[in-house]
């Protein structure tokens, strides 16, 4: 199933060549009249016999030797090569890459929290724009670049650290609340997906993406209106609470798409390098949920 998620829909992402190692290739069909296809060896008398008429063929010291019965039994009993030995992506790869990406994000956030001067957030805004550009490059880049993904995590983390500090100054403790809320949403979606309560079907994906595009479009309109001093009330009052809940639900929806893509990629034997793309997708979804969680908690706490 081809994903609608742009992070996972790059050509060559999470796929394996059907002709790998010669499997899946088409045999040359016989020609008309029942005559077999041309012999690629022509009339070479040694074509079918690797030793030809060499009288020393049986005396070659370095030639292939037949396996003994014990060797055959040992080969039969040996475990088959796993994903690690064949260079294929595993769940452990995804967990490790995601942990590295999130640790980079948190470390950069800590730098912004403790090192950025008060009321001087121009650097944070610049980091946000840079993170957006790098994220677009990663999303539409055909090959995976771990360096770009970690760069995105660092830039995005720096911006989030600065924003969280502002929120935490106004509403003390909101940072911990937002982190815990994001973790709860992630755990709930993982349990729901693994238990089969949520199934990622084409209809489910279409409906979710339609709602997501409408949501993003509404936020863009609200942002443009704010430049002209208009307030649509999307981030305050009861309407703001509803918008925040929808935003968190969409983040959970994106997580379900990520889970499905990771599961499918592992099943198809995607290259190990693709674990970085999976980590990037999960990081995007978690950042989305965290930002929406911050906004929702801020609205609920009001002026306390």
Protein backbone atom coordinates (compact mmCIF):
# COMPACT_ATOMS: atom_id res chain seq x y z
CA UNK A 1 0.00 0.00 0.00
CA UNK A 2 1.49 3.33 -1.04
CA UNK A 3 1.39 5.85 1.75
CA UNK A 4 -0.04 9.35 1.56
CA UNK A 5 2.46 10.51 4.14
CA UNK A 6 5.08 12.57 2.27
CA UNK A 7 7.81 11.47 4.64
CA UNK A 8 7.36 7.83 3.64
CA UNK A 9 6.19 8.22 0.04
CA UNK A 10 9.56 9.00 -1.58
CA UNK A 11 10.31 6.74 -4.50
CA UNK A 12 12.63 4.03 -3.28
CA UNK A 13 11.61 4.44 0.37
CA UNK A 14 10.78 1.28 2.29
CA UNK A 15 11.00 -0.94 -0.82
CA UNK A 16 13.17 -3.78 -1.99
CA UNK A 17 14.18 -4.65 -5.52
CA UNK A 18 12.07 -7.52 -6.83
CA UNK A 19 14.97 -8.69 -8.95
CA UNK A 20 17.42 -8.90 -6.07
CA UNK A 21 19.97 -11.68 -6.42
CA UNK A 22 18.36 -12.78 -9.67
CA UNK A 23 15.03 -13.75 -8.17
CA UNK A 24 11.92 -12.57 -9.94
CA UNK A 25 13.58 -12.35 -13.36
CA UNK A 26 11.87 -13.78 -16.40
CA UNK A 27 13.32 -16.83 -18.13
CA UNK A 28 13.96 -16.56 -21.84
CA UNK A 29 11.06 -18.17 -23.68
CA UNK A 30 11.56 -20.68 -26.51
CA UNK A 31 11.45 -19.27 -30.01
CA UNK A 32 8.69 -20.01 -32.47
CA UNK A 33 8.61 -23.55 -33.81
CA UNK A 34 9.67 -25.10 -30.56
CA UNK A 35 13.37 -24.33 -31.07
CA UNK A 36 14.97 -23.30 -27.80
CA UNK A 37 16.49 -19.86 -27.42
CA UNK A 38 20.03 -19.31 -28.64
CA UNK A 39 22.72 -20.78 -26.44
CA UNK A 40 24.77 -17.89 -25.01
CA UNK A 41 27.80 -20.17 -25.11
CA UNK A 42 27.41 -21.01 -28.79
CA UNK A 43 29.23 -24.23 -29.65
CA UNK A 44 31.75 -23.96 -26.84
CA UNK A 45 32.57 -27.57 -25.94
CA UNK A 46 33.35 -26.48 -22.37
CA UNK A 47 30.08 -24.66 -21.78
CA UNK A 48 28.49 -27.40 -19.70
CA UNK A 49 31.67 -28.80 -18.19
CA UNK A 50 33.70 -26.34 -16.12
CA UNK A 51 36.81 -28.50 -16.53
CA UNK A 52 36.37 -29.37 -20.22
CA UNK A 53 38.87 -32.03 -21.21
CA UNK A 54 41.46 -30.95 -18.69
CA UNK A 55 43.07 -34.17 -17.44
CA UNK A 56 44.18 -32.36 -14.27
CA UNK A 57 40.71 -31.23 -13.33
CA UNK A 58 40.44 -33.75 -10.53
CA UNK A 59 43.89 -32.81 -9.26
CA UNK A 60 43.22 -29.07 -8.83
CA UNK A 61 44.34 -28.26 -5.31
CA UNK A 62 42.28 -25.08 -5.13
CA UNK A 63 39.12 -26.28 -6.85
CA UNK A 64 35.77 -26.68 -5.08
CA UNK A 65 35.72 -29.73 -2.85
CA UNK A 66 32.53 -31.67 -2.15
CA UNK A 67 31.05 -31.15 1.31
CA UNK A 68 31.11 -33.99 3.79
CA UNK A 69 27.98 -35.27 5.49
CA UNK A 70 28.92 -33.55 8.74
CA UNK A 71 29.37 -30.22 6.98
CA UNK A 72 26.00 -30.52 5.29
CA UNK A 73 24.31 -31.31 8.61
CA UNK A 74 26.03 -28.34 10.27
CA UNK A 75 24.91 -26.00 7.48
CA UNK A 76 21.34 -27.29 7.73
CA UNK A 77 21.20 -26.77 11.49
CA UNK A 78 22.76 -23.30 11.39
CA UNK A 79 20.32 -20.42 12.04
CA UNK A 80 19.17 -18.45 9.03
CA UNK A 81 20.56 -14.96 8.52
CA UNK A 82 18.49 -12.37 10.36
CA UNK A 83 17.76 -8.74 9.42
CA UNK A 84 20.90 -7.53 11.17
CA UNK A 85 23.10 -9.82 9.10
CA UNK A 86 21.38 -8.91 5.83
CA UNK A 87 21.33 -5.13 6.43
CA UNK A 88 17.54 -4.92 6.72
CA UNK A 89 15.64 -2.55 9.00
CA UNK A 90 14.42 -3.84 12.34
CA UNK A 91 12.27 -2.40 15.09
CA UNK A 92 15.38 -2.00 17.22
CA UNK A 93 16.91 0.16 14.48
CA UNK A 94 13.86 2.43 14.49
CA UNK A 95 13.89 2.72 18.30
CA UNK A 96 17.61 3.52 18.36
CA UNK A 97 17.40 6.18 15.61
CA UNK A 98 14.31 7.73 17.14
CA UNK A 99 16.03 7.91 20.53
CA UNK A 100 19.03 9.64 18.96
CA UNK A 101 16.80 12.14 17.17
CA UNK A 102 14.75 12.95 20.27
CA UNK A 103 17.84 13.23 22.46
CA UNK A 104 19.29 15.74 19.97
CA UNK A 105 16.02 17.68 20.07
CA UNK A 106 15.92 17.73 23.89
CA UNK A 107 19.59 18.71 24.17
CA UNK A 108 19.12 21.64 21.79
CA UNK A 109 15.99 22.65 23.72
CA UNK A 110 18.01 22.67 26.92
CA UNK A 111 20.59 24.96 25.34
CA UNK A 112 17.87 27.42 24.31
CA UNK A 113 16.21 27.22 27.74
CA UNK A 114 19.35 28.01 29.75
CA UNK A 115 21.51 30.01 27.31
CA UNK A 116 19.10 32.19 25.33
CA UNK A 117 18.84 35.72 26.82
CA UNK A 118 15.45 36.96 27.99
CA UNK A 119 13.33 38.84 25.44
CA UNK A 120 15.80 37.96 22.69
CA UNK A 121 14.12 35.28 20.63
CA UNK A 122 15.24 36.30 17.15
CA UNK A 123 17.62 33.35 17.07
CA UNK A 124 14.81 30.99 18.04
CA UNK A 125 12.59 32.31 15.24
CA UNK A 126 15.46 31.93 12.78
CA UNK A 127 15.98 28.37 14.01
CA UNK A 128 12.29 27.63 13.42
CA UNK A 129 12.48 28.80 9.79
CA UNK A 130 15.73 26.88 9.27
CA UNK A 131 14.14 23.75 10.76
CA UNK A 132 11.21 24.12 8.36
CA UNK A 133 13.54 24.34 5.36
CA UNK A 134 15.65 21.37 6.46
CA UNK A 135 12.50 19.39 7.19
CA UNK A 136 11.22 20.02 3.66
CA UNK A 137 14.55 18.91 2.22
CA UNK A 138 14.48 15.70 4.25
CA UNK A 139 10.85 15.05 3.32
CA UNK A 140 11.32 15.36 -0.43
CA UNK A 141 14.85 14.00 -0.62
CA UNK A 142 15.00 10.59 -2.25
CA UNK A 143 17.93 9.27 -0.22
CA UNK A 144 18.09 9.29 3.57
CA UNK A 145 20.52 11.70 5.24
CA UNK A 146 21.03 11.09 8.98
CA UNK A 147 23.01 14.35 9.23
CA UNK A 148 20.09 16.39 7.88
CA UNK A 149 17.63 14.63 10.17
CA UNK A 150 19.76 15.35 13.23
CA UNK A 151 20.21 18.94 12.04
CA UNK A 152 16.45 19.31 11.85
CA UNK A 153 16.12 17.88 15.36
CA UNK A 154 18.67 20.34 16.71
CA UNK A 155 17.06 23.38 15.09
CA UNK A 156 13.53 22.34 16.03
CA UNK A 157 14.61 21.56 19.57
CA UNK A 158 16.22 24.98 19.94
CA UNK A 159 12.99 26.66 18.87
CA UNK A 160 10.84 24.48 21.13
CA UNK A 161 13.13 25.14 24.08
CA UNK A 162 12.73 28.91 23.66
CA UNK A 163 8.95 28.70 23.22
CA UNK A 164 8.55 26.34 26.17
CA UNK A 165 10.52 28.71 28.37
CA UNK A 166 8.11 31.54 27.55
CA UNK A 167 5.08 29.37 28.28
CA UNK A 168 6.62 28.06 31.48
CA UNK A 169 7.31 31.61 32.68
CA UNK A 170 3.64 32.51 32.28
CA UNK A 171 2.23 29.16 33.43
CA UNK A 172 4.78 27.47 35.73
CA UNK A 173 4.95 23.72 35.28
CA UNK A 174 3.33 23.73 31.82
CA UNK A 175 6.46 22.22 30.23
CA UNK A 176 6.24 19.04 32.34
CA UNK A 177 2.48 18.86 31.74
CA UNK A 178 2.95 19.10 27.97
CA UNK A 179 5.69 16.45 27.95
CA UNK A 180 3.56 14.05 30.02
CA UNK A 181 0.53 14.72 27.83
CA UNK A 182 2.53 13.97 24.68
CA UNK A 183 3.86 10.75 26.21
CA UNK A 184 0.33 9.66 27.16
CA UNK A 185 -0.94 10.26 23.62
CA UNK A 186 1.97 8.30 22.15
CA UNK A 187 1.50 5.36 24.54
CA UNK A 188 -2.27 5.29 23.99
CA UNK A 189 -1.89 5.26 20.21
CA UNK A 190 0.75 2.55 20.34
CA UNK A 191 -1.46 0.32 22.48
CA UNK A 192 -4.51 1.02 20.31
CA UNK A 193 -2.59 0.22 17.14
CA UNK A 194 -0.93 -2.95 18.42
CA UNK A 195 -4.21 -4.24 19.85
CA UNK A 196 -5.97 -3.76 16.52
CA UNK A 197 -8.41 -1.14 17.79
CA UNK A 198 -7.06 1.22 15.14
CA UNK A 199 -6.55 -0.12 11.64
CA UNK A 200 -4.86 2.01 9.01
CA UNK A 201 -6.97 1.45 5.91
CA UNK A 202 -7.09 3.54 2.70
CA UNK A 203 -10.44 5.04 3.78
CA UNK A 204 -9.08 5.86 7.24
CA UNK A 205 -6.06 7.53 5.65
CA UNK A 206 -8.10 9.57 3.17
CA UNK A 207 -10.48 10.89 5.81
CA UNK A 208 -7.65 11.76 8.21
CA UNK A 209 -5.57 13.56 5.59
CA UNK A 210 -8.60 15.53 4.41
CA UNK A 211 -9.25 16.74 7.95
CA UNK A 212 -5.56 17.54 8.40
CA UNK A 213 -5.42 19.66 5.24
CA UNK A 214 -8.56 21.55 6.27
CA UNK A 215 -7.08 22.10 9.75
CA UNK A 216 -3.80 23.45 8.39
CA UNK A 217 -5.67 25.68 5.95
CA UNK A 218 -7.77 27.12 8.78
CA UNK A 219 -4.66 27.85 10.84
CA UNK A 220 -3.03 29.61 7.87
CA UNK A 221 -6.10 31.79 7.43
CA UNK A 222 -6.04 32.59 11.14
CA UNK A 223 -2.35 33.52 10.94
CA UNK A 224 -2.88 35.80 7.95
CA UNK A 225 -5.86 37.45 9.66
CA UNK A 226 -3.74 38.09 12.76
CA UNK A 227 -1.32 40.14 10.66
CA UNK A 228 -4.18 42.58 10.01
CA UNK A 229 -5.25 42.70 13.66
CA UNK A 230 -8.18 40.30 13.27
CA UNK A 231 -8.83 37.59 15.85
CA UNK A 232 -10.79 34.51 14.81
CA UNK A 233 -10.69 33.09 18.36
CA UNK A 234 -9.06 29.82 17.29
CA UNK A 235 -6.60 29.89 20.17
CA UNK A 236 -8.79 31.12 23.01
CA UNK A 237 -12.03 30.22 24.76
CA UNK A 238 -14.20 27.20 23.96
CA UNK A 239 -13.36 27.36 20.25
CA UNK A 240 -9.66 27.33 21.09
CA UNK A 241 -10.14 24.24 23.26
CA UNK A 242 -11.95 22.46 20.40
CA UNK A 243 -9.21 23.43 17.94
CA UNK A 244 -6.54 22.19 20.38
CA UNK A 245 -8.27 18.84 20.82
CA UNK A 246 -8.59 18.43 17.06
CA UNK A 247 -4.91 19.27 16.67
CA UNK A 248 -3.90 16.62 19.21
CA UNK A 249 -6.19 14.07 17.55
CA UNK A 250 -4.54 14.78 14.21
CA UNK A 251 -1.13 14.26 15.78
CA UNK A 252 -2.33 10.89 17.05
CA UNK A 253 -3.57 10.12 13.54
CA UNK A 254 -0.12 10.89 12.14
CA UNK A 255 1.38 8.50 14.70
CA UNK A 256 -0.88 5.70 13.49
CA UNK A 257 0.34 6.29 9.92
CA UNK A 258 3.92 6.16 11.18
CA UNK A 259 3.30 2.87 12.98
CA UNK A 260 1.74 1.32 9.89
CA UNK A 261 4.58 2.45 7.64
CA UNK A 262 7.23 1.14 10.02
CA UNK A 263 5.49 -2.22 10.30
CA UNK A 264 5.13 -2.50 6.52
CA UNK A 265 8.73 -1.46 5.92
CA UNK A 266 10.04 -4.14 8.28
CA UNK A 267 7.79 -6.74 6.68
CA UNK A 268 9.06 -5.86 3.19
CA UNK A 269 12.68 -5.90 4.30
CA UNK A 270 13.50 -2.22 3.83
CA UNK A 271 17.19 -1.24 4.02
CA UNK A 272 18.53 -0.47 7.49
CA UNK A 273 19.16 3.15 6.50
CA UNK A 274 15.41 3.69 6.18
CA UNK A 275 15.14 3.52 9.97
CA UNK A 276 16.27 7.15 9.95
CA UNK A 277 13.30 8.11 7.79
CA UNK A 278 10.98 6.35 10.23
CA UNK A 279 12.61 8.21 13.13
CA UNK A 280 12.10 11.50 11.31
CA UNK A 281 8.41 10.77 10.77
CA UNK A 282 7.88 9.89 14.42
CA UNK A 283 9.71 13.04 15.51
CA UNK A 284 7.49 15.22 13.31
CA UNK A 285 4.36 13.69 14.81
CA UNK A 286 5.59 14.07 18.38
CA UNK A 287 6.59 17.70 17.82
CA UNK A 288 3.12 18.41 16.40
CA UNK A 289 1.43 16.83 19.44
CA UNK A 290 3.71 18.66 21.89
CA UNK A 291 3.00 22.09 20.38
CA UNK A 292 -0.74 21.48 20.33
CA UNK A 293 -0.56 20.19 23.90
CA UNK A 294 1.21 23.38 25.03
CA UNK A 295 -1.46 25.56 23.45
CA UNK A 296 -4.35 23.52 24.85
CA UNK A 297 -2.98 23.50 28.41
CA UNK A 298 -2.35 27.25 28.20
CA UNK A 299 -5.99 27.84 27.21
CA UNK A 300 -7.29 25.55 29.96
CA UNK A 301 -5.15 27.19 32.63
CA UNK A 302 -6.13 30.68 31.51
CA UNK A 303 -4.86 33.39 33.84
CA UNK A 304 -3.98 31.17 36.80
